[in-house]
Amino acid sequence: EAMAGFNSKKLEALRQQNLSGFIFKSRSPSC
């Protein structure tokens, strides 16, 4: 539940950043 709440806020913040791509850490439970 805490991660879901974080995701909601963080995704809005990242929308403001105008990302052009994302590089994730492989096999991470979050990323």
Full PDB file with SEQRES, HELIX, SHEET, SSBOND, CRYST1, ORIGX, SCALE, CONECT and MASTER records, all heavy atoms in Angstrom:
SEQRES   1 A   31  GLU ALA MET ALA GLY PHE ASN SER LYS LYS LEU GLU ALA          
SEQRES   2 A   31  LEU ARG GLN GLN ASN LEU SER GLY PHE ILE PHE LYS SER          
SEQRES   3 A   31  ARG SER PRO SER CYS                                          
HELIX    1 AA1 ALA A    2  GLN A   17  1                                  16    
CRYST1    1.000    1.000    1.000  90.00  90.00  90.00 P 1           1          
ORIGX1      1.000000  0.000000  0.000000        0.00000                         
ORIGX2      0.000000  1.000000  0.000000        0.00000                         
ORIGX3      0.000000  0.000000  1.000000        0.00000                         
SCALE1      1.000000  0.000000  0.000000        0.00000                         
SCALE2      0.000000  1.000000  0.000000        0.00000                         
SCALE3      0.000000  0.000000  1.000000        0.00000                         
ATOM      1  N   GLU A   1       0.833  -1.206   0.000  1.00  0.00           N  
ATOM      2  CA  GLU A   1       0.000   0.000   0.000  1.00  0.00           C  
ATOM      3  C   GLU A   1       0.869   1.257   0.000  1.00  0.00           C  
ATOM      4  O   GLU A   1       0.576   2.232  -0.702  1.00  0.00           O  
ATOM      5  CB  GLU A   1      -0.925  -0.007   1.213  1.00  0.00           C  
ATOM      6  CG  GLU A   1      -1.941   1.134   1.212  1.00  0.00           C  
ATOM      7  CD  GLU A   1      -2.941   1.030   2.349  1.00  0.00           C  
ATOM      8  OE1 GLU A   1      -3.101  -0.081   2.904  1.00  0.00           O  
ATOM      9  OE2 GLU A   1      -3.567   2.055   2.683  1.00  0.00           O  
ATOM     10  N   ALA A   2       1.940   1.224   0.784  1.00  0.00           N  
ATOM     11  CA  ALA A   2       2.839   2.377   0.834  1.00  0.00           C  
ATOM     12  C   ALA A   2       3.497   2.612  -0.521  1.00  0.00           C  
ATOM     13  O   ALA A   2       3.643   3.755  -0.969  1.00  0.00           O  
ATOM     14  CB  ALA A   2       3.904   2.166   1.910  1.00  0.00           C  
ATOM     15  N   MET A   3       3.886   1.533  -1.194  1.00  0.00           N  
ATOM     16  CA  MET A   3       4.507   1.669  -2.514  1.00  0.00           C  
ATOM     17  C   MET A   3       3.514   2.202  -3.533  1.00  0.00           C  
ATOM     18  O   MET A   3       3.869   3.021  -4.394  1.00  0.00           O  
ATOM     19  CB  MET A   3       5.064   0.320  -2.973  1.00  0.00           C  
ATOM     20  CG  MET A   3       5.774   0.348  -4.327  1.00  0.00           C  
ATOM     21  SD  MET A   3       7.220   1.448  -4.378  1.00  0.00           S  
ATOM     22  CE  MET A   3       8.391   0.526  -3.376  1.00  0.00           C  
ATOM     23  N   ALA A   4       2.269   1.768  -3.445  1.00  0.00           N  
ATOM     24  CA  ALA A   4       1.244   2.259  -4.368  1.00  0.00           C  
ATOM     25  C   ALA A   4       1.035   3.762  -4.185  1.00  0.00           C  
ATOM     26  O   ALA A   4       0.892   4.512  -5.165  1.00  0.00           O  
ATOM     27  CB  ALA A   4      -0.072   1.513  -4.142  1.00  0.00           C  
ATOM     28  N   GLY A   5       1.032   4.217  -2.943  1.00  0.00           N  
ATOM     29  CA  GLY A   5       0.891   5.644  -2.683  1.00  0.00           C  
ATOM     30  C   GLY A   5       2.081   6.431  -3.202  1.00  0.00           C  
ATOM     31  O   GLY A   5       1.930   7.503  -3.784  1.00  0.00           O  
ATOM     32  N   PHE A   6       3.288   5.875  -3.002  1.00  0.00           N  
ATOM     33  CA  PHE A   6       4.492   6.520  -3.525  1.00  0.00           C  
ATOM     34  C   PHE A   6       4.439   6.607  -5.043  1.00  0.00           C  
ATOM     35  O   PHE A   6       4.749   7.654  -5.634  1.00  0.00           O  
ATOM     36  CB  PHE A   6       5.732   5.740  -3.097  1.00  0.00           C  
ATOM     37  CG  PHE A   6       6.965   6.125  -3.872  1.00  0.00           C  
ATOM     38  CD1 PHE A   6       7.691   7.254  -3.536  1.00  0.00           C  
ATOM     39  CD2 PHE A   6       7.389   5.363  -4.959  1.00  0.00           C  
ATOM     40  CE1 PHE A   6       8.819   7.623  -4.263  1.00  0.00           C  
ATOM     41  CE2 PHE A   6       8.514   5.719  -5.682  1.00  0.00           C  
ATOM     42  CZ  PHE A   6       9.229   6.855  -5.340  1.00  0.00           C  
ATOM     43  N   ASN A   7       4.056   5.502  -5.694  1.00  0.00           N  
ATOM     44  CA  ASN A   7       4.008   5.475  -7.160  1.00  0.00           C  
ATOM     45  C   ASN A   7       3.121   6.578  -7.708  1.00  0.00           C  
ATOM     46  O   ASN A   7       3.478   7.257  -8.683  1.00  0.00           O  
ATOM     47  CB  ASN A   7       3.497   4.117  -7.642  1.00  0.00           C  
ATOM     48  CG  ASN A   7       4.495   2.990  -7.426  1.00  0.00           C  
ATOM     49  OD1 ASN A   7       5.681   3.247  -7.187  1.00  0.00           O  
ATOM     50  ND2 ASN A   7       4.030   1.763  -7.495  1.00  0.00           N  
ATOM     51  N   SER A   8       1.971   6.760  -7.105  1.00  0.00           N  
ATOM     52  CA  SER A   8       1.028   7.766  -7.586  1.00  0.00           C  
ATOM     53  C   SER A   8       1.650   9.158  -7.580  1.00  0.00           C  
ATOM     54  O   SER A   8       1.549   9.913  -8.559  1.00  0.00           O  
ATOM     55  CB  SER A   8      -0.233   7.731  -6.729  1.00  0.00           C  
ATOM     56  OG  SER A   8      -1.156   8.713  -7.146  1.00  0.00           O  
ATOM     57  N   LYS A   9       2.314   9.499  -6.478  1.00  0.00           N  
ATOM     58  CA  LYS A   9       2.927  10.827  -6.362  1.00  0.00           C  
ATOM     59  C   LYS A   9       4.159  10.952  -7.251  1.00  0.00           C  
ATOM     60  O   LYS A   9       4.381  11.973  -7.906  1.00  0.00           O  
ATOM     61  CB  LYS A   9       3.297  11.099  -4.903  1.00  0.00           C  
ATOM     62  CG  LYS A   9       2.101  11.182  -3.967  1.00  0.00           C  
ATOM     63  CD  LYS A   9       2.540  11.411  -2.533  1.00  0.00           C  
ATOM     64  CE  LYS A   9       1.352  11.464  -1.595  1.00  0.00           C  
ATOM     65  NZ  LYS A   9       1.775  11.630  -0.168  1.00  0.00           N  
ATOM     66  N   LYS A  10       4.972   9.898  -7.291  1.00  0.00           N  
ATOM     67  CA  LYS A  10       6.222   9.961  -8.043  1.00  0.00           C  
ATOM     68  C   LYS A  10       5.967  10.045  -9.537  1.00  0.00           C  
ATOM     69  O   LYS A  10       6.676  10.770 -10.264  1.00  0.00           O  
ATOM     70  CB  LYS A  10       7.083   8.735  -7.735  1.00  0.00           C  
ATOM     71  CG  LYS A  10       8.491   8.805  -8.329  1.00  0.00           C  
ATOM     72  CD  LYS A  10       9.279   9.956  -7.725  1.00  0.00           C  
ATOM     73  CE  LYS A  10      10.700  10.001  -8.251  1.00  0.00           C  
ATOM     74  NZ  LYS A  10      11.480  11.098  -7.638  1.00  0.00           N  
ATOM     75  N   LEU A  11       4.989   9.328 -10.037  1.00  0.00           N  
ATOM     76  CA  LEU A  11       4.701   9.348 -11.465  1.00  0.00           C  
ATOM     77  C   LEU A  11       4.245  10.731 -11.917  1.00  0.00           C  
ATOM     78  O   LEU A  11       4.573  11.169 -13.020  1.00  0.00           O  
ATOM     79  CB  LEU A  11       3.648   8.293 -11.810  1.00  0.00           C  
ATOM     80  CG  LEU A  11       4.113   6.841 -11.650  1.00  0.00           C  
ATOM     81  CD1 LEU A  11       2.969   5.891 -11.916  1.00  0.00           C  
ATOM     82  CD2 LEU A  11       5.297   6.543 -12.559  1.00  0.00           C  
ATOM     83  N   GLU A  12       3.501  11.413 -11.074  1.00  0.00           N  
ATOM     84  CA  GLU A  12       3.097  12.784 -11.412  1.00  0.00           C  
ATOM     85  C   GLU A  12       4.316  13.695 -11.447  1.00  0.00           C  
ATOM     86  O   GLU A  12       4.447  14.547 -12.338  1.00  0.00           O  
ATOM     87  CB  GLU A  12       2.075  13.295 -10.399  1.00  0.00           C  
ATOM     88  CG  GLU A  12       1.684  14.753 -10.594  1.00  0.00           C  
ATOM     89  CD  GLU A  12       1.138  15.073 -11.975  1.00  0.00           C  
ATOM     90  OE1 GLU A  12       0.583  14.167 -12.633  1.00  0.00           O  
ATOM     91  OE2 GLU A  12       1.279  16.244 -12.413  1.00  0.00           O  
ATOM     92  N   ALA A  13       5.235  13.511 -10.490  1.00  0.00           N  
ATOM     93  CA  ALA A  13       6.458  14.315 -10.466  1.00  0.00           C  
ATOM     94  C   ALA A  13       7.305  14.037 -11.710  1.00  0.00           C  
ATOM     95  O   ALA A  13       7.874  14.959 -12.305  1.00  0.00           O  
ATOM     96  CB  ALA A  13       7.256  14.022  -9.204  1.00  0.00           C  
ATOM     97  N   LEU A  14       7.380  12.781 -12.124  1.00  0.00           N  
ATOM     98  CA  LEU A  14       8.164  12.428 -13.306  1.00  0.00           C  
ATOM     99  C   LEU A  14       7.514  12.943 -14.580  1.00  0.00           C  
ATOM    100  O   LEU A  14       8.203  13.240 -15.564  1.00  0.00           O  
ATOM    101  CB  LEU A  14       8.347  10.910 -13.381  1.00  0.00           C  
ATOM    102  CG  LEU A  14       9.266  10.307 -12.313  1.00  0.00           C  
ATOM    103  CD1 LEU A  14       9.301   8.789 -12.445  1.00  0.00           C  
ATOM    104  CD2 LEU A  14      10.672  10.880 -12.418  1.00  0.00           C  
ATOM    105  N   ARG A  15       6.187  13.039 -14.589  1.00  0.00           N  
ATOM    106  CA  ARG A  15       5.517  13.611 -15.759  1.00  0.00           C  
ATOM    107  C   ARG A  15       5.989  15.041 -15.974  1.00  0.00           C  
ATOM    108  O   ARG A  15       6.182  15.482 -17.112  1.00  0.00           O  
ATOM    109  CB  ARG A  15       3.993  13.578 -15.567  1.00  0.00           C  
ATOM    110  CG  ARG A  15       3.218  14.002 -16.816  1.00  0.00           C  
ATOM    111  CD  ARG A  15       1.725  14.011 -16.554  1.00  0.00           C  
ATOM    112  NE  ARG A  15       1.357  15.085 -15.650  1.00  0.00           N  
ATOM    113  CZ  ARG A  15       1.182  16.356 -16.030  1.00  0.00           C  
ATOM    114  NH1 ARG A  15       1.352  16.711 -17.297  1.00  0.00           N  
ATOM    115  NH2 ARG A  15       0.842  17.280 -15.151  1.00  0.00           N  
ATOM    116  N   GLN A  16       6.204  15.755 -14.882  1.00  0.00           N  
ATOM    117  CA  GLN A  16       6.681  17.133 -14.979  1.00  0.00           C  
ATOM    118  C   GLN A  16       8.130  17.203 -15.480  1.00  0.00           C  
ATOM    119  O   GLN A  16       8.565  18.229 -15.996  1.00  0.00           O  
ATOM    120  CB  GLN A  16       6.588  17.811 -13.603  1.00  0.00           C  
ATOM    121  CG  GLN A  16       5.187  17.853 -13.001  1.00  0.00           C  
ATOM    122  CD  GLN A  16       4.213  18.682 -13.823  1.00  0.00           C  
ATOM    123  OE1 GLN A  16       4.617  19.640 -14.478  1.00  0.00           O  
ATOM    124  NE2 GLN A  16       2.943  18.311 -13.797  1.00  0.00           N  
ATOM    125  N   GLN A  17       8.853  16.106 -15.338  1.00  0.00           N  
ATOM    126  CA  GLN A  17      10.251  16.069 -15.771  1.00  0.00           C  
ATOM    127  C   GLN A  17      10.399  15.867 -17.282  1.00  0.00           C  
ATOM    128  O   GLN A  17      11.472  16.051 -17.835  1.00  0.00           O  
ATOM    129  CB  GLN A  17      10.996  14.935 -15.049  1.00  0.00           C  
ATOM    130  CG  GLN A  17      11.227  15.169 -13.570  1.00  0.00           C  
ATOM    131  CD  GLN A  17      12.411  16.078 -13.312  1.00  0.00           C  
ATOM    132  OE1 GLN A  17      13.123  16.491 -14.205  1.00  0.00           O  
ATOM    133  NE2 GLN A  17      12.627  16.388 -12.046  1.00  0.00           N  
ATOM    134  N   ASN A  18       9.313  15.466 -17.950  1.00  0.00           N  
ATOM    135  CA  ASN A  18       9.361  15.223 -19.401  1.00  0.00           C  
ATOM    136  C   ASN A  18      10.443  14.216 -19.778  1.00  0.00           C  
ATOM    137  O   ASN A  18      11.333  14.492 -20.590  1.00  0.00           O  
ATOM    138  CB  ASN A  18       9.592  16.535 -20.164  1.00  0.00           C  
ATOM    139  CG  ASN A  18       8.388  17.456 -20.102  1.00  0.00           C  
ATOM    140  OD1 ASN A  18       7.284  17.018 -19.798  1.00  0.00           O  
ATOM    141  ND2 ASN A  18       8.592  18.733 -20.368  1.00  0.00           N  
ATOM    142  N   LEU A  19      10.361  13.045 -19.201  1.00  0.00           N  
ATOM    143  CA  LEU A  19      11.335  11.997 -19.500  1.00  0.00           C  
ATOM    144  C   LEU A  19      11.232  11.519 -20.943  1.00  0.00           C  
ATOM    145  O   LEU A  19      10.149  11.511 -21.527  1.00  0.00           O  
ATOM    146  CB  LEU A  19      11.139  10.805 -18.567  1.00  0.00           C  
ATOM    147  CG  LEU A  19      11.325  11.028 -17.063  1.00  0.00           C  
ATOM    148  CD1 LEU A  19      11.120   9.716 -16.319  1.00  0.00           C  
ATOM    149  CD2 LEU A  19      12.691  11.607 -16.763  1.00  0.00           C  
ATOM    150  N   SER A  20      12.371  11.094 -21.480  1.00  0.00           N  
ATOM    151  CA  SER A  20      12.395  10.515 -22.825  1.00  0.00           C  
ATOM    152  C   SER A  20      12.730   9.031 -22.803  1.00  0.00           C  
ATOM    153  O   SER A  20      12.766   8.382 -23.850  1.00  0.00           O  
ATOM    154  CB  SER A  20      13.419  11.247 -23.700  1.00  0.00           C  
ATOM    155  OG  SER A  20      13.012  12.586 -23.934  1.00  0.00           O  
ATOM    156  N   GLY A  21      12.977   8.479 -21.612  1.00  0.00           N  
ATOM    157  CA  GLY A  21      13.281   7.061 -21.478  1.00  0.00           C  
ATOM    158  C   GLY A  21      13.529   6.732 -20.022  1.00  0.00           C  
ATOM    159  O   GLY A  21      13.575   7.620 -19.159  1.00  0.00           O  
ATOM    160  N   PHE A  22      13.703   5.419 -19.741  1.00  0.00           N  
ATOM    161  CA  PHE A  22      13.983   5.001 -18.368  1.00  0.00           C  
ATOM    162  C   PHE A  22      14.846   3.745 -18.406  1.00  0.00           C  
ATOM    163  O   PHE A  22      14.570   2.811 -19.151  1.00  0.00           O  
ATOM    164  CB  PHE A  22      12.696   4.719 -17.592  1.00  0.00           C  
ATOM    165  CG  PHE A  22      12.827   4.899 -16.107  1.00  0.00           C  
ATOM    166  CD1 PHE A  22      12.276   6.001 -15.473  1.00  0.00           C  
ATOM    167  CD2 PHE A  22      13.534   3.974 -15.334  1.00  0.00           C  
ATOM    168  CE1 PHE A  22      12.419   6.186 -14.102  1.00  0.00           C  
ATOM    169  CE2 PHE A  22      13.683   4.147 -13.974  1.00  0.00           C  
ATOM    170  CZ  PHE A  22      13.126   5.252 -13.344  1.00  0.00           C  
ATOM    171  N   ILE A  23      15.905   3.746 -17.568  1.00  0.00           N  
ATOM    172  CA  ILE A  23      16.770   2.578 -17.421  1.00  0.00           C  
ATOM    173  C   ILE A  23      16.555   2.024 -16.016  1.00  0.00           C  
ATOM    174  O   ILE A  23      16.850   2.685 -15.017  1.00  0.00           O  
ATOM    175  CB  ILE A  23      18.255   2.936 -17.626  1.00  0.00           C  
ATOM    176  CG1 ILE A  23      18.465   3.561 -19.002  1.00  0.00           C  
ATOM    177  CG2 ILE A  23      19.123   1.685 -17.468  1.00  0.00           C  
ATOM    178  CD1 ILE A  23      19.881   4.056 -19.252  1.00  0.00           C  
ATOM    179  N   PHE A  24      16.026   0.805 -15.939  1.00  0.00           N  
ATOM    180  CA  PHE A  24      15.692   0.175 -14.667  1.00  0.00           C  
ATOM    181  C   PHE A  24      16.797  -0.770 -14.187  1.00  0.00           C  
ATOM    182  O   PHE A  24      17.565  -1.298 -14.985  1.00  0.00           O  
ATOM    183  CB  PHE A  24      14.409  -0.657 -14.807  1.00  0.00           C  
ATOM    184  CG  PHE A  24      13.151   0.133 -14.965  1.00  0.00           C  
ATOM    185  CD1 PHE A  24      12.458   0.118 -16.163  1.00  0.00           C  
ATOM    186  CD2 PHE A  24      12.641   0.862 -13.906  1.00  0.00           C  
ATOM    187  CE1 PHE A  24      11.280   0.823 -16.309  1.00  0.00           C  
ATOM    188  CE2 PHE A  24      11.452   1.574 -14.045  1.00  0.00           C  
ATOM    189  CZ  PHE A  24      10.771   1.556 -15.249  1.00  0.00           C  
ATOM    190  N   LYS A  25      16.799  -1.010 -12.866  1.00  0.00           N  
ATOM    191  CA  LYS A  25      17.652  -2.057 -12.299  1.00  0.00           C  
ATOM    192  C   LYS A  25      16.959  -3.385 -12.505  1.00  0.00           C  
ATOM    193  O   LYS A  25      15.834  -3.594 -12.056  1.00  0.00           O  
ATOM    194  CB  LYS A  25      17.877  -1.815 -10.794  1.00  0.00           C  
ATOM    195  CG  LYS A  25      18.676  -2.932 -10.112  1.00  0.00           C  
ATOM    196  CD  LYS A  25      20.089  -2.982 -10.626  1.00  0.00           C  
ATOM    197  CE  LYS A  25      20.828  -4.213 -10.126  1.00  0.00           C  
ATOM    198  NZ  LYS A  25      20.510  -5.434 -10.912  1.00  0.00           N  
ATOM    199  N   SER A  26      17.627  -4.290 -13.168  1.00  0.00           N  
ATOM    200  CA  SER A  26      17.035  -5.590 -13.484  1.00  0.00           C  
ATOM    201  C   SER A  26      16.707  -6.391 -12.232  1.00  0.00           C  
ATOM    202  O   SER A  26      17.402  -6.314 -11.220  1.00  0.00           O  
ATOM    203  CB  SER A  26      18.005  -6.403 -14.354  1.00  0.00           C  
ATOM    204  OG  SER A  26      19.212  -6.628 -13.652  1.00  0.00           O  
ATOM    205  N   ARG A  27      15.592  -7.119 -12.307  1.00  0.00           N  
ATOM    206  CA  ARG A  27      15.153  -8.077 -11.294  1.00  0.00           C  
ATOM    207  C   ARG A  27      14.864  -7.467  -9.917  1.00  0.00           C  
ATOM    208  O   ARG A  27      14.714  -8.195  -8.937  1.00  0.00           O  
ATOM    209  CB  ARG A  27      16.151  -9.230 -11.167  1.00  0.00           C  
ATOM    210  CG  ARG A  27      16.278 -10.065 -12.434  1.00  0.00           C  
ATOM    211  CD  ARG A  27      17.059 -11.340 -12.190  1.00  0.00           C  
ATOM    212  NE  ARG A  27      18.410 -11.064 -11.748  1.00  0.00           N  
ATOM    213  CZ  ARG A  27      19.413 -10.761 -12.575  1.00  0.00           C  
ATOM    214  NH1 ARG A  27      19.205 -10.726 -13.876  1.00  0.00           N  
ATOM    215  NH2 ARG A  27      20.621 -10.527 -12.104  1.00  0.00           N  
ATOM    216  N   SER A  28      14.801  -6.160  -9.822  1.00  0.00           N  
ATOM    217  CA  SER A  28      14.491  -5.501  -8.551  1.00  0.00           C  
ATOM    218  C   SER A  28      12.992  -5.615  -8.250  1.00  0.00           C  
ATOM    219  O   SER A  28      12.168  -5.415  -9.145  1.00  0.00           O  
ATOM    220  CB  SER A  28      14.883  -4.021  -8.620  1.00  0.00           C  
ATOM    221  OG  SER A  28      14.233  -3.269  -7.622  1.00  0.00           O  
ATOM    222  N   PRO A  29      12.616  -5.935  -7.000  1.00  0.00           N  
ATOM    223  CA  PRO A  29      11.190  -6.015  -6.649  1.00  0.00           C  
ATOM    224  C   PRO A  29      10.445  -4.705  -6.867  1.00  0.00           C  
ATOM    225  O   PRO A  29       9.220  -4.709  -7.001  1.00  0.00           O  
ATOM    226  CB  PRO A  29      11.213  -6.387  -5.158  1.00  0.00           C  
ATOM    227  CG  PRO A  29      12.531  -7.052  -4.959  1.00  0.00           C  
ATOM    228  CD  PRO A  29      13.473  -6.325  -5.866  1.00  0.00           C  
ATOM    229  N   SER A  30      11.174  -3.596  -6.897  1.00  0.00           N  
ATOM    230  CA  SER A  30      10.514  -2.317  -7.172  1.00  0.00           C  
ATOM    231  C   SER A  30      10.755  -1.863  -8.602  1.00  0.00           C  
ATOM    232  O   SER A  30       9.837  -1.373  -9.257  1.00  0.00           O  
ATOM    233  CB  SER A  30      10.999  -1.230  -6.197  1.00  0.00           C  
ATOM    234  OG  SER A  30      12.409  -1.109  -6.225  1.00  0.00           O  
ATOM    235  N   CYS A  31      11.971  -2.043  -9.120  1.00  0.00           N  
ATOM    236  CA  CYS A  31      12.329  -1.449 -10.412  1.00  0.00           C  
ATOM    237  C   CYS A  31      12.472  -2.411 -11.584  1.00  0.00           C  
ATOM    238  O   CYS A  31      12.634  -1.953 -12.724  1.00  0.00           O  
ATOM    239  CB  CYS A  31      13.642  -0.675 -10.275  1.00  0.00           C  
ATOM    240  SG  CYS A  31      13.485   0.880  -9.378  1.00  0.00           S  
TER     241      CYS A  31                                                      
MASTER        0    0    0    1    0    0    0    6  240    1    0    3          
END                                                                             
